[in-house]
Amino acid sequence: KVNGIEVNNVMVEEKNSNGEYELLKDISDNDQIKKVIGFIQEFNFDTAVDEETKPQYQFHLNYSSEDSSVKIVTYTLEKSIDGKGVIVGTSDGKKVEKLNEEDSNSLYQLIVGEPLK
């Protein structure tokens, strides 16, 4: 749950060669969803990022609560320029954070399904 709202799944999309996002995977395992939510709750979007962001991935948290006006929350994910970390942002690109190497590896593995290289 995020802010008391039940998350059904996390949909992950990857940008294709045409610059459009297409479905990469759908995370429905509760343990994996909890891990993704755990990262989101730790994000500190006050961190300044000097890199220009061109997200390769976006992931959507799909909510089941009928009481909430928010049904989907979208975040972006991309590798940092040095390839040792990831940069996470809000869908509007206004809030961005660069994660440390350990968290980057864990979140990238969860979202993309492969090690950060």
PDB file of N, CA and C in Angstrom:
ATOM      1  N   LYS A   1       0.832  -1.189   0.000  1.00  0.00           N
ATOM      2  CA  LYS A   1       0.000   0.000   0.000  1.00  0.00           C
ATOM      3  C   LYS A   1       0.872   1.246   0.000  1.00  0.00           C
ATOM      4  N   VAL A   2       0.434   2.244  -0.737  1.00  0.00           N
ATOM      5  CA  VAL A   2       1.084   3.550  -0.749  1.00  0.00           C
ATOM      6  C   VAL A   2       0.036   4.556  -0.309  1.00  0.00           C
ATOM      7  N   ASN A   3       0.322   5.266   0.777  1.00  0.00           N
ATOM      8  CA  ASN A   3      -0.635   6.241   1.319  1.00  0.00           C
ATOM      9  C   ASN A   3      -2.013   5.623   1.525  1.00  0.00           C
ATOM     10  N   GLY A   4      -2.036   4.367   1.978  1.00  0.00           N
ATOM     11  CA  GLY A   4      -3.290   3.694   2.270  1.00  0.00           C
ATOM     12  C   GLY A   4      -4.013   3.140   1.056  1.00  0.00           C
ATOM     13  N   ILE A   5      -3.392   3.205  -0.112  1.00  0.00           N
ATOM     14  CA  ILE A   5      -4.022   2.719  -1.339  1.00  0.00           C
ATOM     15  C   ILE A   5      -3.329   1.437  -1.780  1.00  0.00           C
ATOM     16  N   GLU A   6      -4.117   0.451  -2.142  1.00  0.00           N
ATOM     17  CA  GLU A   6      -3.592  -0.846  -2.575  1.00  0.00           C
ATOM     18  C   GLU A   6      -3.075  -0.759  -4.003  1.00  0.00           C
ATOM     19  N   VAL A   7      -1.843  -1.207  -4.232  1.00  0.00           N
ATOM     20  CA  VAL A   7      -1.261  -1.230  -5.571  1.00  0.00           C
ATOM     21  C   VAL A   7      -1.471  -2.625  -6.150  1.00  0.00           C
ATOM     22  N   ASN A   8      -2.121  -2.697  -7.311  1.00  0.00           N
ATOM     23  CA  ASN A   8      -2.382  -3.986  -7.961  1.00  0.00           C
ATOM     24  C   ASN A   8      -1.166  -4.534  -8.680  1.00  0.00           C
ATOM     25  N   ASN A   9      -0.523  -3.681  -9.456  1.00  0.00           N
ATOM     26  CA  ASN A   9       0.620  -4.120 -10.243  1.00  0.00           C
ATOM     27  C   ASN A   9       1.466  -2.919 -10.647  1.00  0.00           C
ATOM     28  N   VAL A  10       2.638  -3.239 -11.188  1.00  0.00           N
ATOM     29  CA  VAL A  10       3.542  -2.217 -11.701  1.00  0.00           C
ATOM     30  C   VAL A  10       3.806  -2.575 -13.158  1.00  0.00           C
ATOM     31  N   MET A  11       3.386  -1.712 -14.066  1.00  0.00           N
ATOM     32  CA  MET A  11       3.622  -1.933 -15.491  1.00  0.00           C
ATOM     33  C   MET A  11       4.891  -1.199 -15.892  1.00  0.00           C
ATOM     34  N   VAL A  12       5.788  -1.909 -16.578  1.00  0.00           N
ATOM     35  CA  VAL A  12       7.065  -1.336 -17.000  1.00  0.00           C
ATOM     36  C   VAL A  12       7.064  -1.225 -18.521  1.00  0.00           C
ATOM     37  N   GLU A  13       7.426  -0.035 -19.015  1.00  0.00           N
ATOM     38  CA  GLU A  13       7.498   0.184 -20.447  1.00  0.00           C
ATOM     39  C   GLU A  13       8.905   0.635 -20.825  1.00  0.00           C
ATOM     40  N   GLU A  14       9.334   0.222 -22.023  1.00  0.00           N
ATOM     41  CA  GLU A  14      10.650   0.592 -22.541  1.00  0.00           C
ATOM     42  C   GLU A  14      10.467   1.408 -23.815  1.00  0.00           C
ATOM     43  N   LYS A  15      11.313   2.423 -23.977  1.00  0.00           N
ATOM     44  CA  LYS A  15      11.247   3.259 -25.174  1.00  0.00           C
ATOM     45  C   LYS A  15      11.822   2.485 -26.353  1.00  0.00           C
ATOM     46  N   ASN A  16      11.072   2.410 -27.451  1.00  0.00           N
ATOM     47  CA  ASN A  16      11.548   1.703 -28.632  1.00  0.00           C
ATOM     48  C   ASN A  16      12.304   2.658 -29.562  1.00  0.00           C
ATOM     49  N   SER A  17      12.731   2.162 -30.709  1.00  0.00           N
ATOM     50  CA  SER A  17      13.541   2.967 -31.631  1.00  0.00           C
ATOM     51  C   SER A  17      12.768   4.150 -32.214  1.00  0.00           C
ATOM     52  N   ASN A  18      11.438   4.110 -32.157  1.00  0.00           N
ATOM     53  CA  ASN A  18      10.612   5.225 -32.630  1.00  0.00           C
ATOM     54  C   ASN A  18      10.370   6.268 -31.551  1.00  0.00           C
ATOM     55  N   GLY A  19      10.923   6.033 -30.350  1.00  0.00           N
ATOM     56  CA  GLY A  19      10.736   6.973 -29.252  1.00  0.00           C
ATOM     57  C   GLY A  19       9.420   6.802 -28.515  1.00  0.00           C
ATOM     58  N   GLU A  20       8.723   5.696 -28.778  1.00  0.00           N
ATOM     59  CA  GLU A  20       7.457   5.416 -28.108  1.00  0.00           C
ATOM     60  C   GLU A  20       7.679   4.325 -27.073  1.00  0.00           C
ATOM     61  N   TYR A  21       6.906   4.396 -25.995  1.00  0.00           N
ATOM     62  CA  TYR A  21       7.026   3.379 -24.949  1.00  0.00           C
ATOM     63  C   TYR A  21       6.135   2.189 -25.277  1.00  0.00           C
ATOM     64  N   GLU A  22       6.685   0.985 -25.048  1.00  0.00           N
ATOM     65  CA  GLU A  22       5.897  -0.231 -25.224  1.00  0.00           C
ATOM     66  C   GLU A  22       6.111  -1.126 -24.008  1.00  0.00           C
ATOM     67  N   LEU A  23       5.121  -1.956 -23.728  1.00  0.00           N
ATOM     68  CA  LEU A  23       5.138  -2.790 -22.529  1.00  0.00           C
ATOM     69  C   LEU A  23       6.338  -3.735 -22.535  1.00  0.00           C
ATOM     70  N   LEU A  24       7.104  -3.693 -21.465  1.00  0.00           N
ATOM     71  CA  LEU A  24       8.245  -4.588 -21.283  1.00  0.00           C
ATOM     72  C   LEU A  24       7.855  -5.736 -20.359  1.00  0.00           C
ATOM     73  N   LYS A  25       7.209  -5.394 -19.225  1.00  0.00           N
ATOM     74  CA  LYS A  25       6.778  -6.430 -18.282  1.00  0.00           C
ATOM     75  C   LYS A  25       5.729  -5.869 -17.342  1.00  0.00           C
ATOM     76  N   ASP A  26       5.008  -6.775 -16.718  1.00  0.00           N
ATOM     77  CA  ASP A  26       3.955  -6.429 -15.771  1.00  0.00           C
ATOM     78  C   ASP A  26       4.294  -7.140 -14.458  1.00  0.00           C
ATOM     79  N   ILE A  27       4.609  -6.359 -13.439  1.00  0.00           N
ATOM     80  CA  ILE A  27       4.977  -6.929 -12.144  1.00  0.00           C
ATOM     81  C   ILE A  27       3.715  -7.065 -11.299  1.00  0.00           C
ATOM     82  N   SER A  28       3.350  -8.311 -10.974  1.00  0.00           N
ATOM     83  CA  SER A  28       2.153  -8.529 -10.160  1.00  0.00           C
ATOM     84  C   SER A  28       2.457  -9.285  -8.870  1.00  0.00           C
ATOM     85  N   ASP A  29       3.700  -9.729  -8.717  1.00  0.00           N
ATOM     86  CA  ASP A  29       4.114 -10.436  -7.502  1.00  0.00           C
ATOM     87  C   ASP A  29       4.139  -9.452  -6.331  1.00  0.00           C
ATOM     88  N   ASN A  30       3.407  -9.766  -5.274  1.00  0.00           N
ATOM     89  CA  ASN A  30       3.281  -8.848  -4.133  1.00  0.00           C
ATOM     90  C   ASN A  30       4.622  -8.477  -3.503  1.00  0.00           C
ATOM     91  N   ASP A  31       5.539  -9.432  -3.399  1.00  0.00           N
ATOM     92  CA  ASP A  31       6.847  -9.142  -2.802  1.00  0.00           C
ATOM     93  C   ASP A  31       7.623  -8.137  -3.651  1.00  0.00           C
ATOM     94  N   GLN A  32       7.570  -8.309  -4.970  1.00  0.00           N
ATOM     95  CA  GLN A  32       8.273  -7.373  -5.853  1.00  0.00           C
ATOM     96  C   GLN A  32       7.615  -5.994  -5.815  1.00  0.00           C
ATOM     97  N   ILE A  33       6.282  -5.957  -5.780  1.00  0.00           N
ATOM     98  CA  ILE A  33       5.566  -4.677  -5.687  1.00  0.00           C
ATOM     99  C   ILE A  33       5.960  -3.957  -4.405  1.00  0.00           C
ATOM    100  N   LYS A  34       6.032  -4.693  -3.288  1.00  0.00           N
ATOM    101  CA  LYS A  34       6.423  -4.083  -2.016  1.00  0.00           C
ATOM    102  C   LYS A  34       7.832  -3.503  -2.087  1.00  0.00           C
ATOM    103  N   LYS A  35       8.746  -4.192  -2.780  1.00  0.00           N
ATOM    104  CA  LYS A  35      10.113  -3.685  -2.924  1.00  0.00           C
ATOM    105  C   LYS A  35      10.134  -2.392  -3.736  1.00  0.00           C
ATOM    106  N   VAL A  36       9.353  -2.356  -4.828  1.00  0.00           N
ATOM    107  CA  VAL A  36       9.281  -1.143  -5.648  1.00  0.00           C
ATOM    108  C   VAL A  36       8.726   0.010  -4.808  1.00  0.00           C
ATOM    109  N   ILE A  37       7.657  -0.241  -4.071  1.00  0.00           N
ATOM    110  CA  ILE A  37       7.046   0.783  -3.219  1.00  0.00           C
ATOM    111  C   ILE A  37       8.033   1.252  -2.153  1.00  0.00           C
ATOM    112  N   GLY A  38       8.805   0.314  -1.608  1.00  0.00           N
ATOM    113  CA  GLY A  38       9.820   0.666  -0.614  1.00  0.00           C
ATOM    114  C   GLY A  38      10.812   1.678  -1.166  1.00  0.00           C
ATOM    115  N   PHE A  39      11.246   1.479  -2.424  1.00  0.00           N
ATOM    116  CA  PHE A  39      12.150   2.446  -3.049  1.00  0.00           C
ATOM    117  C   PHE A  39      11.460   3.791  -3.224  1.00  0.00           C
ATOM    118  N   ILE A  40      10.229   3.775  -3.711  1.00  0.00           N
ATOM    119  CA  ILE A  40       9.499   5.015  -3.961  1.00  0.00           C
ATOM    120  C   ILE A  40       9.350   5.828  -2.678  1.00  0.00           C
ATOM    121  N   GLN A  41       9.070   5.153  -1.585  1.00  0.00           N
ATOM    122  CA  GLN A  41       8.890   5.854  -0.320  1.00  0.00           C
ATOM    123  C   GLN A  41      10.198   6.459   0.190  1.00  0.00           C
ATOM    124  N   GLU A  42      11.339   5.974  -0.306  1.00  0.00           N
ATOM    125  CA  GLU A  42      12.641   6.490   0.105  1.00  0.00           C
ATOM    126  C   GLU A  42      13.163   7.595  -0.817  1.00  0.00           C
ATOM    127  N   PHE A  43      12.518   7.798  -1.961  1.00  0.00           N
ATOM    128  CA  PHE A  43      13.008   8.806  -2.904  1.00  0.00           C
ATOM    129  C   PHE A  43      13.042  10.171  -2.251  1.00  0.00           C
ATOM    130  N   ASN A  44      14.132  10.886  -2.491  1.00  0.00           N
ATOM    131  CA  ASN A  44      14.282  12.250  -2.008  1.00  0.00           C
ATOM    132  C   ASN A  44      14.461  13.130  -3.228  1.00  0.00           C
ATOM    133  N   PHE A  45      13.363  13.610  -3.766  1.00  0.00           N
ATOM    134  CA  PHE A  45      13.421  14.340  -5.016  1.00  0.00           C
ATOM    135  C   PHE A  45      14.009  15.740  -4.882  1.00  0.00           C
ATOM    136  N   ASP A  46      14.607  16.034  -3.725  1.00  0.00           N
ATOM    137  CA  ASP A  46      15.288  17.308  -3.543  1.00  0.00           C
ATOM    138  C   ASP A  46      16.713  17.261  -4.082  1.00  0.00           C
ATOM    139  N   THR A  47      17.179  16.054  -4.407  1.00  0.00           N
ATOM    140  CA  THR A  47      18.546  15.886  -4.884  1.00  0.00           C
ATOM    141  C   THR A  47      18.694  16.492  -6.277  1.00  0.00           C
ATOM    142  N   ALA A  48      19.667  17.339  -6.436  1.00  0.00           N
ATOM    143  CA  ALA A  48      19.904  17.949  -7.751  1.00  0.00           C
ATOM    144  C   ALA A  48      20.641  16.960  -8.646  1.00  0.00           C
ATOM    145  N   VAL A  49      20.215  16.868  -9.889  1.00  0.00           N
ATOM    146  CA  VAL A  49      20.868  16.006 -10.866  1.00  0.00           C
ATOM    147  C   VAL A  49      21.338  16.889 -12.010  1.00  0.00           C
ATOM    148  N   ASP A  50      22.644  16.820 -12.297  1.00  0.00           N
ATOM    149  CA  ASP A  50      23.221  17.674 -13.325  1.00  0.00           C
ATOM    150  C   ASP A  50      23.079  17.092 -14.726  1.00  0.00           C
ATOM    151  N   GLU A  51      22.639  15.852 -14.814  1.00  0.00           N
ATOM    152  CA  GLU A  51      22.561  15.192 -16.111  1.00  0.00           C
ATOM    153  C   GLU A  51      21.231  15.496 -16.800  1.00  0.00           C
ATOM    154  N   GLU A  52      21.287  15.617 -18.122  1.00  0.00           N
ATOM    155  CA  GLU A  52      20.058  15.775 -18.892  1.00  0.00           C
ATOM    156  C   GLU A  52      19.348  14.430 -18.909  1.00  0.00           C
ATOM    157  N   THR A  53      18.074  14.434 -18.648  1.00  0.00           N
ATOM    158  CA  THR A  53      17.359  13.165 -18.547  1.00  0.00           C
ATOM    159  C   THR A  53      16.656  12.818 -19.854  1.00  0.00           C
ATOM    160  N   LYS A  54      16.885  11.580 -20.278  1.00  0.00           N
ATOM    161  CA  LYS A  54      16.222  11.004 -21.453  1.00  0.00           C
ATOM    162  C   LYS A  54      15.815   9.582 -21.072  1.00  0.00           C
ATOM    163  N   PRO A  55      14.749   9.448 -20.311  1.00  0.00           N
ATOM    164  CA  PRO A  55      14.389   8.144 -19.751  1.00  0.00           C
ATOM    165  C   PRO A  55      14.153   7.052 -20.792  1.00  0.00           C
ATOM    166  N   GLN A  56      14.793   5.915 -20.557  1.00  0.00           N
ATOM    167  CA  GLN A  56      14.611   4.745 -21.415  1.00  0.00           C
ATOM    168  C   GLN A  56      13.399   3.927 -20.960  1.00  0.00           C
ATOM    169  N   TYR A  57      13.059   4.048 -19.672  1.00  0.00           N
ATOM    170  CA  TYR A  57      11.960   3.263 -19.111  1.00  0.00           C
ATOM    171  C   TYR A  57      10.999   4.160 -18.351  1.00  0.00           C
ATOM    172  N   GLN A  58       9.768   3.702 -18.253  1.00  0.00           N
ATOM    173  CA  GLN A  58       8.819   4.308 -17.329  1.00  0.00           C
ATOM    174  C   GLN A  58       8.059   3.175 -16.662  1.00  0.00           C
ATOM    175  N   PHE A  59       7.682   3.405 -15.413  1.00  0.00           N
ATOM    176  CA  PHE A  59       6.901   2.382 -14.721  1.00  0.00           C
ATOM    177  C   PHE A  59       5.713   3.029 -14.045  1.00  0.00           C
ATOM    178  N   HIS A  60       4.596   2.305 -14.108  1.00  0.00           N
ATOM    179  CA  HIS A  60       3.311   2.812 -13.630  1.00  0.00           C
ATOM    180  C   HIS A  60       2.839   1.968 -12.455  1.00  0.00           C
ATOM    181  N   LEU A  61       2.469   2.611 -11.362  1.00  0.00           N
ATOM    182  CA  LEU A  61       1.825   1.929 -10.247  1.00  0.00           C
ATOM    183  C   LEU A  61       0.331   2.042 -10.467  1.00  0.00           C
ATOM    184  N   ASN A  62      -0.330   0.906 -10.594  1.00  0.00           N
ATOM    185  CA  ASN A  62      -1.769   0.876 -10.838  1.00  0.00           C
ATOM    186  C   ASN A  62      -2.496   0.611  -9.530  1.00  0.00           C
ATOM    187  N   TYR A  63      -3.379   1.525  -9.165  1.00  0.00           N
ATOM    188  CA  TYR A  63      -4.115   1.459  -7.906  1.00  0.00           C
ATOM    189  C   TYR A  63      -5.492   0.877  -8.100  1.00  0.00           C
ATOM    190  N   SER A  64      -5.992   0.211  -7.050  1.00  0.00           N
ATOM    191  CA  SER A  64      -7.314  -0.400  -7.128  1.00  0.00           C
ATOM    192  C   SER A  64      -8.368   0.360  -6.339  1.00  0.00           C
ATOM    193  N   SER A  65      -7.976   1.356  -5.570  1.00  0.00           N
ATOM    194  CA  SER A  65      -8.919   2.057  -4.704  1.00  0.00           C
ATOM    195  C   SER A  65      -9.903   2.907  -5.504  1.00  0.00           C
ATOM    196  N   GLU A  66     -11.184   2.658  -5.276  1.00  0.00           N
ATOM    197  CA  GLU A  66     -12.222   3.460  -5.920  1.00  0.00           C
ATOM    198  C   GLU A  66     -12.374   4.802  -5.217  1.00  0.00           C
ATOM    199  N   ASP A  67     -11.833   4.941  -3.997  1.00  0.00           N
ATOM    200  CA  ASP A  67     -11.945   6.178  -3.224  1.00  0.00           C
ATOM    201  C   ASP A  67     -10.981   7.251  -3.714  1.00  0.00           C
ATOM    202  N   SER A  68     -10.001   6.849  -4.482  1.00  0.00           N
ATOM    203  CA  SER A  68      -8.941   7.775  -4.874  1.00  0.00           C
ATOM    204  C   SER A  68      -9.154   8.272  -6.297  1.00  0.00           C
ATOM    205  N   SER A  69      -8.862   9.534  -6.523  1.00  0.00           N
ATOM    206  CA  SER A  69      -8.958  10.069  -7.875  1.00  0.00           C
ATOM    207  C   SER A  69      -7.730   9.668  -8.700  1.00  0.00           C
ATOM    208  N   VAL A  70      -6.656   9.261  -8.024  1.00  0.00           N
ATOM    209  CA  VAL A  70      -5.446   8.831  -8.719  1.00  0.00           C
ATOM    210  C   VAL A  70      -5.512   7.329  -8.959  1.00  0.00           C
ATOM    211  N   LYS A  71      -5.469   6.928 -10.204  1.00  0.00           N
ATOM    212  CA  LYS A  71      -5.511   5.502 -10.552  1.00  0.00           C
ATOM    213  C   LYS A  71      -4.138   4.980 -10.956  1.00  0.00           C
ATOM    214  N   ILE A  72      -3.334   5.843 -11.569  1.00  0.00           N
ATOM    215  CA  ILE A  72      -2.001   5.444 -12.026  1.00  0.00           C
ATOM    216  C   ILE A  72      -1.004   6.557 -11.685  1.00  0.00           C
ATOM    217  N   VAL A  73       0.138   6.153 -11.144  1.00  0.00           N
ATOM    218  CA  VAL A  73       1.221   7.095 -10.905  1.00  0.00           C
ATOM    219  C   VAL A  73       2.414   6.592 -11.711  1.00  0.00           C
ATOM    220  N   THR A  74       3.027   7.492 -12.474  1.00  0.00           N
ATOM    221  CA  THR A  74       4.102   7.107 -13.382  1.00  0.00           C
ATOM    222  C   THR A  74       5.431   7.723 -12.948  1.00  0.00           C
ATOM    223  N   TYR A  75       6.478   6.899 -13.011  1.00  0.00           N
ATOM    224  CA  TYR A  75       7.849   7.340 -12.748  1.00  0.00           C
ATOM    225  C   TYR A  75       8.700   6.969 -13.960  1.00  0.00           C
ATOM    226  N   THR A  76       9.804   7.675 -14.136  1.00  0.00           N
ATOM    227  CA  THR A  76      10.732   7.349 -15.209  1.00  0.00           C
ATOM    228  C   THR A  76      12.005   6.759 -14.614  1.00  0.00           C
ATOM    229  N   LEU A  77      12.724   6.005 -15.436  1.00  0.00           N
ATOM    230  CA  LEU A  77      13.959   5.352 -14.988  1.00  0.00           C
ATOM    231  C   LEU A  77      14.943   5.353 -16.146  1.00  0.00           C
ATOM    232  N   GLU A  78      16.170   5.730 -15.841  1.00  0.00           N
ATOM    233  CA  GLU A  78      17.216   5.678 -16.856  1.00  0.00           C
ATOM    234  C   GLU A  78      18.562   5.456 -16.190  1.00  0.00           C
ATOM    235  N   LYS A  79      19.506   4.962 -16.970  1.00  0.00           N
ATOM    236  CA  LYS A  79      20.869   4.807 -16.475  1.00  0.00           C
ATOM    237  C   LYS A  79      21.537   6.170 -16.427  1.00  0.00           C
ATOM    238  N   SER A  80      22.410   6.348 -15.439  1.00  0.00           N
ATOM    239  CA  SER A  80      23.204   7.572 -15.375  1.00  0.00           C
ATOM    240  C   SER A  80      24.252   7.535 -16.491  1.00  0.00           C
ATOM    241  N   ILE A  81      24.844   8.669 -16.768  1.00  0.00           N
ATOM    242  CA  ILE A  81      25.828   8.761 -17.846  1.00  0.00           C
ATOM    243  C   ILE A  81      26.982   7.786 -17.638  1.00  0.00           C
ATOM    244  N   ASP A  82      27.435   7.640 -16.387  1.00  0.00           N
ATOM    245  CA  ASP A  82      28.556   6.732 -16.117  1.00  0.00           C
ATOM    246  C   ASP A  82      28.128   5.263 -16.071  1.00  0.00           C
ATOM    247  N   GLY A  83      26.815   4.991 -16.129  1.00  0.00           N
ATOM    248  CA  GLY A  83      26.311   3.624 -16.153  1.00  0.00           C
ATOM    249  C   GLY A  83      26.341   2.917 -14.817  1.00  0.00           C
ATOM    250  N   LYS A  84      26.759   3.613 -13.762  1.00  0.00           N
ATOM    251  CA  LYS A  84      26.883   2.980 -12.449  1.00  0.00           C
ATOM    252  C   LYS A  84      25.678   3.227 -11.555  1.00  0.00           C
ATOM    253  N   GLY A  85      24.739   4.033 -12.026  1.00  0.00           N
ATOM    254  CA  GLY A  85      23.565   4.349 -11.227  1.00  0.00           C
ATOM    255  C   GLY A  85      22.361   4.547 -12.110  1.00  0.00           C
ATOM    256  N   VAL A  86      21.235   4.803 -11.473  1.00  0.00           N
ATOM    257  CA  VAL A  86      20.030   5.128 -12.222  1.00  0.00           C
ATOM    258  C   VAL A  86      19.482   6.454 -11.734  1.00  0.00           C
ATOM    259  N   ILE A  87      18.749   7.098 -12.613  1.00  0.00           N
ATOM    260  CA  ILE A  87      18.072   8.335 -12.298  1.00  0.00           C
ATOM    261  C   ILE A  87      16.578   8.066 -12.393  1.00  0.00           C
ATOM    262  N   VAL A  88      15.872   8.397 -11.338  1.00  0.00           N
ATOM    263  CA  VAL A  88      14.433   8.192 -11.277  1.00  0.00           C
ATOM    264  C   VAL A  88      13.771   9.557 -11.272  1.00  0.00           C
ATOM    265  N   GLY A  89      12.665   9.668 -11.982  1.00  0.00           N
ATOM    266  CA  GLY A  89      11.966  10.944 -12.010  1.00  0.00           C
ATOM    267  C   GLY A  89      10.463  10.772 -12.025  1.00  0.00           C
ATOM    268  N   THR A  90       9.776  11.875 -11.795  1.00  0.00           N
ATOM    269  CA  THR A  90       8.320  11.871 -11.927  1.00  0.00           C
ATOM    270  C   THR A  90       7.994  12.012 -13.410  1.00  0.00           C
ATOM    271  N   SER A  91       6.800  11.648 -13.784  1.00  0.00           N
ATOM    272  CA  SER A  91       6.439  11.643 -15.200  1.00  0.00           C
ATOM    273  C   SER A  91       6.500  13.019 -15.840  1.00  0.00           C
ATOM    274  N   ASP A  92       6.360  14.075 -15.048  1.00  0.00           N
ATOM    275  CA  ASP A  92       6.435  15.428 -15.601  1.00  0.00           C
ATOM    276  C   ASP A  92       7.871  15.929 -15.706  1.00  0.00           C
ATOM    277  N   GLY A  93       8.840  15.133 -15.208  1.00  0.00           N
ATOM    278  CA  GLY A  93      10.242  15.486 -15.306  1.00  0.00           C
ATOM    279  C   GLY A  93      10.698  16.577 -14.360  1.00  0.00           C
ATOM    280  N   LYS A  94       9.826  17.003 -13.462  1.00  0.00           N
ATOM    281  CA  LYS A  94      10.169  18.106 -12.562  1.00  0.00           C
ATOM    282  C   LYS A  94      10.925  17.646 -11.320  1.00  0.00           C
ATOM    283  N   LYS A  95      10.742  16.400 -10.926  1.00  0.00           N
ATOM    284  CA  LYS A  95      11.416  15.882  -9.739  1.00  0.00           C
ATOM    285  C   LYS A  95      12.269  14.692 -10.155  1.00  0.00           C
ATOM    286  N   VAL A  96      13.567  14.786  -9.869  1.00  0.00           N
ATOM    287  CA  VAL A  96      14.505  13.768 -10.316  1.00  0.00           C
ATOM    288  C   VAL A  96      15.474  13.444  -9.188  1.00  0.00           C
ATOM    289  N   GLU A  97      15.852  12.179  -9.083  1.00  0.00           N
ATOM    290  CA  GLU A  97      16.850  11.777  -8.092  1.00  0.00           C
ATOM    291  C   GLU A  97      17.778  10.741  -8.692  1.00  0.00           C
ATOM    292  N   LYS A  98      19.074  10.866  -8.388  1.00  0.00           N
ATOM    293  CA  LYS A  98      20.065   9.863  -8.782  1.00  0.00           C
ATOM    294  C   LYS A  98      20.305   8.969  -7.573  1.00  0.00           C
ATOM    295  N   LEU A  99      20.087   7.672  -7.742  1.00  0.00           N
ATOM    296  CA  LEU A  99      20.247   6.729  -6.633  1.00  0.00           C
ATOM    297  C   LEU A  99      21.702   6.295  -6.513  1.00  0.00           C
ATOM    298  N   ASN A 100      22.070   5.857  -5.304  1.00  0.00           N
ATOM    299  CA  ASN A 100      23.422   5.342  -5.115  1.00  0.00           C
ATOM    300  C   ASN A 100      23.564   4.014  -5.863  1.00  0.00           C
ATOM    301  N   GLU A 101      24.789   3.538  -5.968  1.00  0.00           N
ATOM    302  CA  GLU A 101      25.059   2.358  -6.800  1.00  0.00           C
ATOM    303  C   GLU A 101      24.305   1.116  -6.331  1.00  0.00           C
ATOM    304  N   GLU A 102      24.265   0.869  -5.038  1.00  0.00           N
ATOM    305  CA  GLU A 102      23.586  -0.317  -4.515  1.00  0.00           C
ATOM    306  C   GLU A 102      22.087  -0.265  -4.794  1.00  0.00           C
ATOM    307  N   ASP A 103      21.447   0.860  -4.463  1.00  0.00           N
ATOM    308  CA  ASP A 103      20.008   0.998  -4.718  1.00  0.00           C
ATOM    309  C   ASP A 103      19.712   0.968  -6.212  1.00  0.00           C
ATOM    310  N   SER A 104      20.601   1.563  -6.997  1.00  0.00           N
ATOM    311  CA  SER A 104      20.429   1.562  -8.453  1.00  0.00           C
ATOM    312  C   SER A 104      20.387   0.140  -8.996  1.00  0.00           C
ATOM    313  N   ASN A 105      21.345  -0.672  -8.554  1.00  0.00           N
ATOM    314  CA  ASN A 105      21.386  -2.061  -9.013  1.00  0.00           C
ATOM    315  C   ASN A 105      20.117  -2.811  -8.634  1.00  0.00           C
ATOM    316  N   SER A 106      19.662  -2.629  -7.403  1.00  0.00           N
ATOM    317  CA  SER A 106      18.465  -3.334  -6.930  1.00  0.00           C
ATOM    318  C   SER A 106      17.210  -2.893  -7.675  1.00  0.00           C
ATOM    319  N   LEU A 107      17.010  -1.580  -7.808  1.00  0.00           N
ATOM    320  CA  LEU A 107      15.808  -1.079  -8.471  1.00  0.00           C
ATOM    321  C   LEU A 107      15.815  -1.428  -9.955  1.00  0.00           C
ATOM    322  N   TYR A 108      16.949  -1.302 -10.602  1.00  0.00           N
ATOM    323  CA  TYR A 108      17.043  -1.633 -12.034  1.00  0.00           C
ATOM    324  C   TYR A 108      16.705  -3.103 -12.260  1.00  0.00           C
ATOM    325  N   GLN A 109      17.235  -3.968 -11.407  1.00  0.00           N
ATOM    326  CA  GLN A 109      16.948  -5.404 -11.514  1.00  0.00           C
ATOM    327  C   GLN A 109      15.446  -5.654 -11.352  1.00  0.00           C
ATOM    328  N   LEU A 110      14.823  -4.987 -10.384  1.00  0.00           N
ATOM    329  CA  LEU A 110      13.382  -5.142 -10.158  1.00  0.00           C
ATOM    330  C   LEU A 110      12.558  -4.663 -11.347  1.00  0.00           C
ATOM    331  N   ILE A 111      12.866  -3.470 -11.838  1.00  0.00           N
ATOM    332  CA  ILE A 111      12.055  -2.841 -12.875  1.00  0.00           C
ATOM    333  C   ILE A 111      12.323  -3.432 -14.255  1.00  0.00           C
ATOM    334  N   VAL A 112      13.589  -3.547 -14.617  1.00  0.00           N
ATOM    335  CA  VAL A 112      13.944  -3.985 -15.968  1.00  0.00           C
ATOM    336  C   VAL A 112      14.086  -5.505 -16.067  1.00  0.00           C
ATOM    337  N   GLY A 113      14.496  -6.132 -14.962  1.00  0.00           N
ATOM    338  CA  GLY A 113      14.608  -7.587 -14.970  1.00  0.00           C
ATOM    339  C   GLY A 113      15.976  -8.088 -15.366  1.00  0.00           C
ATOM    340  N   GLU A 114      16.957  -7.205 -15.399  1.00  0.00           N
ATOM    341  CA  GLU A 114      18.329  -7.605 -15.695  1.00  0.00           C
ATOM    342  C   GLU A 114      19.284  -6.732 -14.902  1.00  0.00           C
ATOM    343  N   PRO A 115      20.511  -7.196 -14.710  1.00  0.00           N
ATOM    344  CA  PRO A 115      21.478  -6.405 -13.935  1.00  0.00           C
ATOM    345  C   PRO A 115      21.813  -5.094 -14.623  1.00  0.00           C
ATOM    346  N   LEU A 116      22.132  -4.089 -13.831  1.00  0.00           N
ATOM    347  CA  LEU A 116      22.588  -2.801 -14.344  1.00  0.00           C
ATOM    348  C   LEU A 116      24.013  -2.990 -14.851  1.00  0.00           C
ATOM    349  N   LYS A 117      24.252  -2.683 -16.103  1.00  0.00           N
ATOM    350  CA  LYS A 117      25.594  -2.892 -16.679  1.00  0.00           C
ATOM    351  C   LYS A 117      26.175  -1.556 -17.085  1.00  0.00           C
TER     352      LYS A 117
END
